[in-house]
Amino acid sequence: MLITSADNPKVKLWEKLKQKKYRDEARLFLVEEKHLIEEALKANKVETLIIRDSLTNPFEMDAIKVSDNVMKKISNNTSLNDYIAVCNFLDVQEIKGNSFIVLENVQDPGNVGTIIRTAYSFGYDAVYLNESCASIYNHKTIQATQGALFHIPLIIKDTGESIEYLRSNSVRIIGTSLNTNNYLSKSNKYEKFALVYGNEGQGLTSETQMQCDEVVKIEMKNFDSLNVAIAMAISSYYYKF
């Protein structure tokens, strides 16, 4: 099948998937770049594969070929994509495990994606995100995960509810904040734990801090704060290894 018109109904739907409203309605999202599409295929999440007309299909799945102007129409990237996959929303499920990441109001998609990638790399069991976090289906989030979002459970849920669920499964809740004298290097390690990270500018809300079993901060010499994704990488490595 070849589509050359930007007015084709399929093209109009694909273009709308660049917006959260339409992604949520259709429960579909776009994945761009070959290596990310390969991860989506491994997870069996690709509904439709789209390829530029001039190229050979490198994937083990039938594809719809489109003209360059159609590819430009549906792409989030400024450069012309060779491939785009339309993917089904990820399955949302609570799981049992020993180590978790909880995000509250982390709004930068690059930070959210990097945290998901780090959590998967370090072997965490799931990432919980509240509705105020950047969407896991934002194209910048997807790119920052480098495909990890297809391989680790991502659970969208109110932060307080996430904490209570984890605590009911004997998980120790460890918050992160600059407003504490409890340093990371002095903190005990636990068999079952969840690390909670807050908004880039405001940190954790006071309500969430009160729900934590303890709150820690990373020692620093020359500055008083770190990017949330960097702070997550340092502290999540400390507790895991």
C-alpha atoms as a PDB file:
ATOM      1  CA  MET A   1       0.000   0.000   0.000  1.00  0.00           C
ATOM      2  CA  LEU A   2       1.289   3.463  -0.938  1.00  0.00           C
ATOM      3  CA  ILE A   3      -0.099   6.735   0.432  1.00  0.00           C
ATOM      4  CA  THR A   4       0.894   9.965  -1.299  1.00  0.00           C
ATOM      5  CA  SER A   5      -1.824  12.370  -0.150  1.00  0.00           C
ATOM      6  CA  ALA A   6      -1.602  14.264   3.138  1.00  0.00           C
ATOM      7  CA  ASP A   7      -5.411  14.376   3.102  1.00  0.00           C
ATOM      8  CA  ASN A   8      -5.681  10.597   3.417  1.00  0.00           C
ATOM      9  CA  PRO A   9      -7.769   9.692   6.543  1.00  0.00           C
ATOM     10  CA  LYS A  10      -4.970   7.520   7.897  1.00  0.00           C
ATOM     11  CA  VAL A  11      -2.486  10.361   7.578  1.00  0.00           C
ATOM     12  CA  LYS A  12      -4.850  12.758   9.347  1.00  0.00           C
ATOM     13  CA  LEU A  13      -5.165  10.297  12.264  1.00  0.00           C
ATOM     14  CA  TRP A  14      -1.407   9.740  12.476  1.00  0.00           C
ATOM     15  CA  GLU A  15      -0.773  13.481  12.495  1.00  0.00           C
ATOM     16  CA  LYS A  16      -3.233  13.939  15.370  1.00  0.00           C
ATOM     17  CA  LEU A  17      -1.259  11.436  17.451  1.00  0.00           C
ATOM     18  CA  LYS A  18       1.345  14.158  17.994  1.00  0.00           C
ATOM     19  CA  GLN A  19      -1.159  15.635  20.477  1.00  0.00           C
ATOM     20  CA  LYS A  20      -1.872  14.078  23.881  1.00  0.00           C
ATOM     21  CA  LYS A  21      -5.645  14.507  23.561  1.00  0.00           C
ATOM     22  CA  TYR A  22      -5.824  12.375  20.441  1.00  0.00           C
ATOM     23  CA  ARG A  23      -3.289   9.832  21.703  1.00  0.00           C
ATOM     24  CA  ASP A  24      -5.462   9.253  24.746  1.00  0.00           C
ATOM     25  CA  GLU A  25      -8.623   8.935  22.650  1.00  0.00           C
ATOM     26  CA  ALA A  26      -7.128   6.474  20.178  1.00  0.00           C
ATOM     27  CA  ARG A  27      -4.822   4.799  22.710  1.00  0.00           C
ATOM     28  CA  LEU A  28      -2.093   4.969  20.085  1.00  0.00           C
ATOM     29  CA  PHE A  29       1.243   6.777  19.919  1.00  0.00           C
ATOM     30  CA  LEU A  30       4.059   7.340  17.450  1.00  0.00           C
ATOM     31  CA  VAL A  31       7.578   5.938  17.662  1.00  0.00           C
ATOM     32  CA  GLU A  32      10.282   7.372  15.398  1.00  0.00           C
ATOM     33  CA  GLU A  33      13.792   6.114  14.621  1.00  0.00           C
ATOM     34  CA  LYS A  34      14.771   2.584  13.647  1.00  0.00           C
ATOM     35  CA  HIS A  35      16.255   1.342  16.927  1.00  0.00           C
ATOM     36  CA  LEU A  36      13.218   2.519  18.930  1.00  0.00           C
ATOM     37  CA  ILE A  37      10.872   0.815  16.485  1.00  0.00           C
ATOM     38  CA  GLU A  38      12.880  -2.396  16.901  1.00  0.00           C
ATOM     39  CA  GLU A  39      12.269  -2.229  20.670  1.00  0.00           C
ATOM     40  CA  ALA A  40       8.555  -1.659  20.069  1.00  0.00           C
ATOM     41  CA  LEU A  41       8.457  -4.690  17.779  1.00  0.00           C
ATOM     42  CA  LYS A  42      10.153  -6.832  20.430  1.00  0.00           C
ATOM     43  CA  ALA A  43       7.396  -5.794  22.838  1.00  0.00           C
ATOM     44  CA  ASN A  44       4.704  -6.575  20.220  1.00  0.00           C
ATOM     45  CA  LYS A  45       3.313  -3.040  20.458  1.00  0.00           C
ATOM     46  CA  VAL A  46       3.451  -1.956  16.806  1.00  0.00           C
ATOM     47  CA  GLU A  47       0.039  -1.629  15.175  1.00  0.00           C
ATOM     48  CA  THR A  48       1.141  -0.035  11.898  1.00  0.00           C
ATOM     49  CA  LEU A  49       4.579   0.376  10.350  1.00  0.00           C
ATOM     50  CA  ILE A  50       5.159   3.347   8.041  1.00  0.00           C
ATOM     51  CA  ILE A  51       8.132   3.587   5.666  1.00  0.00           C
ATOM     52  CA  ARG A  52       9.275   6.132   3.083  1.00  0.00           C
ATOM     53  CA  ASP A  53       8.424   4.970  -0.423  1.00  0.00           C
ATOM     54  CA  SER A  54      12.024   5.023  -1.637  1.00  0.00           C
ATOM     55  CA  LEU A  55      13.290   2.611   1.041  1.00  0.00           C
ATOM     56  CA  THR A  56      13.358  -1.144   1.507  1.00  0.00           C
ATOM     57  CA  ASN A  57      11.537  -2.482   4.570  1.00  0.00           C
ATOM     58  CA  PRO A  58      14.196  -3.642   7.090  1.00  0.00           C
ATOM     59  CA  PHE A  59      11.658  -4.970   9.615  1.00  0.00           C
ATOM     60  CA  GLU A  60       9.962  -8.349   9.870  1.00  0.00           C
ATOM     61  CA  MET A  61       6.508  -6.780   9.564  1.00  0.00           C
ATOM     62  CA  ASP A  62       4.486  -5.559   6.615  1.00  0.00           C
ATOM     63  CA  ALA A  63       4.525  -1.798   6.169  1.00  0.00           C
ATOM     64  CA  ILE A  64       2.576   1.027   4.553  1.00  0.00           C
ATOM     65  CA  LYS A  65       4.759   3.090   2.255  1.00  0.00           C
ATOM     66  CA  VAL A  66       4.304   6.850   2.122  1.00  0.00           C
ATOM     67  CA  SER A  67       5.686   9.747   0.125  1.00  0.00           C
ATOM     68  CA  ASP A  68       8.159  12.183   1.640  1.00  0.00           C
ATOM     69  CA  ASN A  69       5.508  14.876   2.085  1.00  0.00           C
ATOM     70  CA  VAL A  70       3.316  12.458   4.056  1.00  0.00           C
ATOM     71  CA  MET A  71       6.262  11.411   6.223  1.00  0.00           C
ATOM     72  CA  LYS A  72       6.986  15.085   6.976  1.00  0.00           C
ATOM     73  CA  LYS A  73       3.334  15.613   7.885  1.00  0.00           C
ATOM     74  CA  ILE A  74       3.253  12.954  10.601  1.00  0.00           C
ATOM     75  CA  SER A  75       6.780  13.296  11.936  1.00  0.00           C
ATOM     76  CA  ASN A  76       7.742  15.084  15.155  1.00  0.00           C
ATOM     77  CA  ASN A  77      11.345  15.416  14.003  1.00  0.00           C
ATOM     78  CA  THR A  78      12.579  18.346  11.940  1.00  0.00           C
ATOM     79  CA  SER A  79      14.658  16.011   9.756  1.00  0.00           C
ATOM     80  CA  LEU A  80      12.892  13.580   7.465  1.00  0.00           C
ATOM     81  CA  ASN A  81      12.213  10.222   9.092  1.00  0.00           C
ATOM     82  CA  ASP A  82      12.765   6.975   7.241  1.00  0.00           C
ATOM     83  CA  TYR A  83      10.404   4.990   9.479  1.00  0.00           C
ATOM     84  CA  ILE A  84       7.575   5.620  11.938  1.00  0.00           C
ATOM     85  CA  ALA A  85       5.598   3.065  13.947  1.00  0.00           C
ATOM     86  CA  VAL A  86       2.090   3.577  15.254  1.00  0.00           C
ATOM     87  CA  CYS A  87       2.025   1.729  18.574  1.00  0.00           C
ATOM     88  CA  ASN A  88      -0.651   0.617  21.000  1.00  0.00           C
ATOM     89  CA  PHE A  89      -0.620   2.069  24.504  1.00  0.00           C
ATOM     90  CA  LEU A  90       1.409   0.108  27.022  1.00  0.00           C
ATOM     91  CA  ASP A  91      -0.265  -2.281  29.432  1.00  0.00           C
ATOM     92  CA  VAL A  92      -0.704  -0.737  32.893  1.00  0.00           C
ATOM     93  CA  GLN A  93      -0.419  -3.232  35.706  1.00  0.00           C
ATOM     94  CA  GLU A  94       0.591  -3.344  39.347  1.00  0.00           C
ATOM     95  CA  ILE A  95       3.423  -5.789  39.972  1.00  0.00           C
ATOM     96  CA  LYS A  96       5.200  -7.300  42.928  1.00  0.00           C
ATOM     97  CA  GLY A  97       8.867  -6.605  43.292  1.00  0.00           C
ATOM     98  CA  ASN A  98      11.652  -5.273  45.473  1.00  0.00           C
ATOM     99  CA  SER A  99      12.670  -1.904  44.006  1.00  0.00           C
ATOM    100  CA  PHE A 100      10.626   0.910  42.514  1.00  0.00           C
ATOM    101  CA  ILE A 101      10.847   4.504  41.330  1.00  0.00           C
ATOM    102  CA  VAL A 102       8.031   6.970  42.057  1.00  0.00           C
ATOM    103  CA  LEU A 103       7.816  10.306  40.210  1.00  0.00           C
ATOM    104  CA  GLU A 104       5.689  13.225  41.397  1.00  0.00           C
ATOM    105  CA  ASN A 105       5.148  16.179  39.035  1.00  0.00           C
ATOM    106  CA  VAL A 106       8.342  15.643  37.019  1.00  0.00           C
ATOM    107  CA  GLN A 107       7.392  17.724  34.022  1.00  0.00           C
ATOM    108  CA  ASP A 108      10.335  17.694  31.640  1.00  0.00           C
ATOM    109  CA  PRO A 109       9.936  14.824  29.129  1.00  0.00           C
ATOM    110  CA  GLY A 110      13.702  14.461  28.819  1.00  0.00           C
ATOM    111  CA  ASN A 111      13.987  13.929  32.563  1.00  0.00           C
ATOM    112  CA  VAL A 112      11.111  11.458  32.654  1.00  0.00           C
ATOM    113  CA  GLY A 113      12.559   9.487  29.752  1.00  0.00           C
ATOM    114  CA  THR A 114      16.066   9.433  31.217  1.00  0.00           C
ATOM    115  CA  ILE A 115      14.713   8.244  34.567  1.00  0.00           C
ATOM    116  CA  ILE A 116      12.781   5.418  32.883  1.00  0.00           C
ATOM    117  CA  ARG A 117      15.907   4.400  30.961  1.00  0.00           C
ATOM    118  CA  THR A 118      18.019   4.462  34.137  1.00  0.00           C
ATOM    119  CA  ALA A 119      15.450   2.514  36.142  1.00  0.00           C
ATOM    120  CA  TYR A 120      15.366  -0.219  33.517  1.00  0.00           C
ATOM    121  CA  SER A 121      19.166  -0.277  33.210  1.00  0.00           C
ATOM    122  CA  PHE A 122      19.597  -0.692  36.975  1.00  0.00           C
ATOM    123  CA  GLY A 123      16.993  -3.433  37.226  1.00  0.00           C
ATOM    124  CA  TYR A 124      14.161  -1.622  39.005  1.00  0.00           C
ATOM    125  CA  ASP A 125      10.812  -3.390  38.876  1.00  0.00           C
ATOM    126  CA  ALA A 126       8.519  -0.504  37.864  1.00  0.00           C
ATOM    127  CA  VAL A 127       8.181   3.259  37.610  1.00  0.00           C
ATOM    128  CA  TYR A 128       5.136   5.011  39.067  1.00  0.00           C
ATOM    129  CA  LEU A 129       4.184   8.416  37.654  1.00  0.00           C
ATOM    130  CA  ASN A 130       1.361  10.750  38.601  1.00  0.00           C
ATOM    131  CA  GLU A 131      -0.774  12.516  35.999  1.00  0.00           C
ATOM    132  CA  SER A 132       1.204  15.750  36.355  1.00  0.00           C
ATOM    133  CA  CYS A 133       4.381  14.122  35.063  1.00  0.00           C
ATOM    134  CA  ALA A 134       5.329  14.520  31.417  1.00  0.00           C
ATOM    135  CA  SER A 135       3.499  11.971  29.291  1.00  0.00           C
ATOM    136  CA  ILE A 136       5.327   8.711  28.699  1.00  0.00           C
ATOM    137  CA  TYR A 137       4.022   8.963  25.101  1.00  0.00           C
ATOM    138  CA  ASN A 138       5.534  12.389  24.417  1.00  0.00           C
ATOM    139  CA  HIS A 139       8.040  11.951  21.586  1.00  0.00           C
ATOM    140  CA  LYS A 140      10.819  13.572  23.660  1.00  0.00           C
ATOM    141  CA  THR A 141      10.114  11.168  26.522  1.00  0.00           C
ATOM    142  CA  ILE A 142      10.188   8.199  24.155  1.00  0.00           C
ATOM    143  CA  GLN A 143      13.492   9.272  22.627  1.00  0.00           C
ATOM    144  CA  ALA A 144      15.058   9.775  26.066  1.00  0.00           C
ATOM    145  CA  THR A 145      14.051   6.274  27.173  1.00  0.00           C
ATOM    146  CA  GLN A 146      15.947   4.781  24.211  1.00  0.00           C
ATOM    147  CA  GLY A 147      13.297   2.054  24.087  1.00  0.00           C
ATOM    148  CA  ALA A 148      13.296   1.202  27.805  1.00  0.00           C
ATOM    149  CA  LEU A 149       9.616   2.188  28.125  1.00  0.00           C
ATOM    150  CA  PHE A 150       8.719  -1.035  26.291  1.00  0.00           C
ATOM    151  CA  HIS A 151      10.472  -3.212  28.857  1.00  0.00           C
ATOM    152  CA  ILE A 152       9.642  -1.848  32.329  1.00  0.00           C
ATOM    153  CA  PRO A 153       6.136  -1.407  33.795  1.00  0.00           C
ATOM    154  CA  LEU A 154       5.064   2.253  33.832  1.00  0.00           C
ATOM    155  CA  ILE A 155       2.105   2.854  36.130  1.00  0.00           C
ATOM    156  CA  ILE A 156       0.160   6.131  35.995  1.00  0.00           C
ATOM    157  CA  LYS A 157      -1.366   6.704  39.411  1.00  0.00           C
ATOM    158  CA  ASP A 158      -1.791   9.322  42.119  1.00  0.00           C
ATOM    159  CA  THR A 159       1.440   9.546  44.131  1.00  0.00           C
ATOM    160  CA  GLY A 160      -0.265   9.018  47.472  1.00  0.00           C
ATOM    161  CA  GLU A 161      -2.061   5.931  46.187  1.00  0.00           C
ATOM    162  CA  SER A 162       1.177   4.558  44.749  1.00  0.00           C
ATOM    163  CA  ILE A 163       2.962   4.997  48.079  1.00  0.00           C
ATOM    164  CA  GLU A 164       0.150   3.336  50.019  1.00  0.00           C
ATOM    165  CA  TYR A 165       0.066   0.405  47.604  1.00  0.00           C
ATOM    166  CA  LEU A 166       3.819  -0.100  47.869  1.00  0.00           C
ATOM    167  CA  ARG A 167       3.793   0.226  51.650  1.00  0.00           C
ATOM    168  CA  SER A 168       1.046  -2.408  51.852  1.00  0.00           C
ATOM    169  CA  ASN A 169       3.561  -4.740  50.191  1.00  0.00           C
ATOM    170  CA  SER A 170       6.239  -4.040  52.840  1.00  0.00           C
ATOM    171  CA  VAL A 171       8.171  -1.608  50.622  1.00  0.00           C
ATOM    172  CA  ARG A 172      10.122   1.097  52.469  1.00  0.00           C
ATOM    173  CA  ILE A 173       9.413   4.549  51.042  1.00  0.00           C
ATOM    174  CA  ILE A 174      12.452   6.818  50.673  1.00  0.00           C
ATOM    175  CA  GLY A 175      11.886  10.403  49.559  1.00  0.00           C
ATOM    176  CA  THR A 176      14.476  12.833  48.223  1.00  0.00           C
ATOM    177  CA  SER A 177      14.748  16.474  49.256  1.00  0.00           C
ATOM    178  CA  LEU A 178      17.253  19.246  49.913  1.00  0.00           C
ATOM    179  CA  ASN A 179      15.483  20.024  53.198  1.00  0.00           C
ATOM    180  CA  THR A 180      16.985  17.280  55.321  1.00  0.00           C
ATOM    181  CA  ASN A 181      20.232  16.462  57.107  1.00  0.00           C
ATOM    182  CA  ASN A 182      19.869  12.748  56.365  1.00  0.00           C
ATOM    183  CA  TYR A 183      22.603  12.166  53.786  1.00  0.00           C
ATOM    184  CA  LEU A 184      22.438   9.468  51.138  1.00  0.00           C
ATOM    185  CA  SER A 185      25.799   7.925  52.051  1.00  0.00           C
ATOM    186  CA  LYS A 186      24.622   7.405  55.651  1.00  0.00           C
ATOM    187  CA  SER A 187      21.295   5.878  54.703  1.00  0.00           C
ATOM    188  CA  ASN A 188      20.659   2.181  55.267  1.00  0.00           C
ATOM    189  CA  LYS A 189      19.875  -0.096  52.363  1.00  0.00           C
ATOM    190  CA  TYR A 190      16.741  -2.239  52.293  1.00  0.00           C
ATOM    191  CA  GLU A 191      15.604  -5.396  50.563  1.00  0.00           C
ATOM    192  CA  LYS A 192      12.356  -3.766  49.418  1.00  0.00           C
ATOM    193  CA  PHE A 193      12.288  -0.042  48.750  1.00  0.00           C
ATOM    194  CA  ALA A 194      10.885   2.740  46.588  1.00  0.00           C
ATOM    195  CA  LEU A 195      12.644   6.008  45.790  1.00  0.00           C
ATOM    196  CA  VAL A 196      10.442   9.071  45.364  1.00  0.00           C
ATOM    197  CA  TYR A 197      11.449  12.117  43.279  1.00  0.00           C
ATOM    198  CA  GLY A 198       9.649  15.425  42.860  1.00  0.00           C
ATOM    199  CA  ASN A 199       9.257  18.352  40.502  1.00  0.00           C
ATOM    200  CA  GLU A 200      12.353  19.940  38.965  1.00  0.00           C
ATOM    201  CA  GLY A 201      11.800  23.294  40.674  1.00  0.00           C
ATOM    202  CA  GLN A 202       9.672  22.546  43.729  1.00  0.00           C
ATOM    203  CA  GLY A 203      10.780  19.054  44.715  1.00  0.00           C
ATOM    204  CA  LEU A 204       8.409  16.743  46.548  1.00  0.00           C
ATOM    205  CA  THR A 205       5.210  18.182  47.942  1.00  0.00           C
ATOM    206  CA  SER A 206       5.013  18.416  51.735  1.00  0.00           C
ATOM    207  CA  GLU A 207       2.175  15.870  51.700  1.00  0.00           C
ATOM    208  CA  THR A 208       4.312  13.313  49.909  1.00  0.00           C
ATOM    209  CA  GLN A 209       7.318  13.935  52.168  1.00  0.00           C
ATOM    210  CA  MET A 210       5.115  13.213  55.175  1.00  0.00           C
ATOM    211  CA  GLN A 211       4.151   9.869  53.638  1.00  0.00           C
ATOM    212  CA  CYS A 212       7.773   8.773  53.285  1.00  0.00           C
ATOM    213  CA  ASP A 213       9.479   6.563  55.860  1.00  0.00           C
ATOM    214  CA  GLU A 214      12.589   8.688  55.486  1.00  0.00           C
ATOM    215  CA  VAL A 215      13.887  11.525  53.317  1.00  0.00           C
ATOM    216  CA  VAL A 216      17.485  11.754  52.069  1.00  0.00           C
ATOM    217  CA  LYS A 217      19.681  14.137  50.123  1.00  0.00           C
ATOM    218  CA  ILE A 218      22.892  13.756  48.146  1.00  0.00           C
ATOM    219  CA  GLU A 219      26.042  15.362  49.549  1.00  0.00           C
ATOM    220  CA  MET A 220      27.314  18.227  47.399  1.00  0.00           C
ATOM    221  CA  LYS A 221      30.258  20.624  47.697  1.00  0.00           C
ATOM    222  CA  ASN A 222      29.933  23.457  45.208  1.00  0.00           C
ATOM    223  CA  PHE A 223      26.220  23.707  44.411  1.00  0.00           C
ATOM    224  CA  ASP A 224      22.976  23.077  46.238  1.00  0.00           C
ATOM    225  CA  SER A 225      20.994  21.031  43.734  1.00  0.00           C
ATOM    226  CA  LEU A 226      21.138  18.544  40.869  1.00  0.00           C
ATOM    227  CA  ASN A 227      18.997  17.841  37.833  1.00  0.00           C
ATOM    228  CA  VAL A 228      16.334  15.353  38.946  1.00  0.00           C
ATOM    229  CA  ALA A 229      17.433  12.704  36.440  1.00  0.00           C
ATOM    230  CA  ILE A 230      21.043  12.965  37.652  1.00  0.00           C
ATOM    231  CA  ALA A 231      19.934  12.824  41.293  1.00  0.00           C
ATOM    232  CA  MET A 232      17.839   9.766  40.488  1.00  0.00           C
ATOM    233  CA  ALA A 233      20.771   8.034  38.777  1.00  0.00           C
ATOM    234  CA  ILE A 234      23.096   8.601  41.745  1.00  0.00           C
ATOM    235  CA  SER A 235      20.658   7.601  44.480  1.00  0.00           C
ATOM    236  CA  SER A 236      19.061   4.695  42.615  1.00  0.00           C
ATOM    237  CA  TYR A 237      22.509   3.222  41.985  1.00  0.00           C
ATOM    238  CA  TYR A 238      23.421   3.621  45.678  1.00  0.00           C
ATOM    239  CA  TYR A 239      20.386   1.682  46.913  1.00  0.00           C
ATOM    240  CA  LYS A 240      20.510  -0.994  44.229  1.00  0.00           C
ATOM    241  CA  PHE A 241      24.172  -2.039  44.264  1.00  0.00           C
END
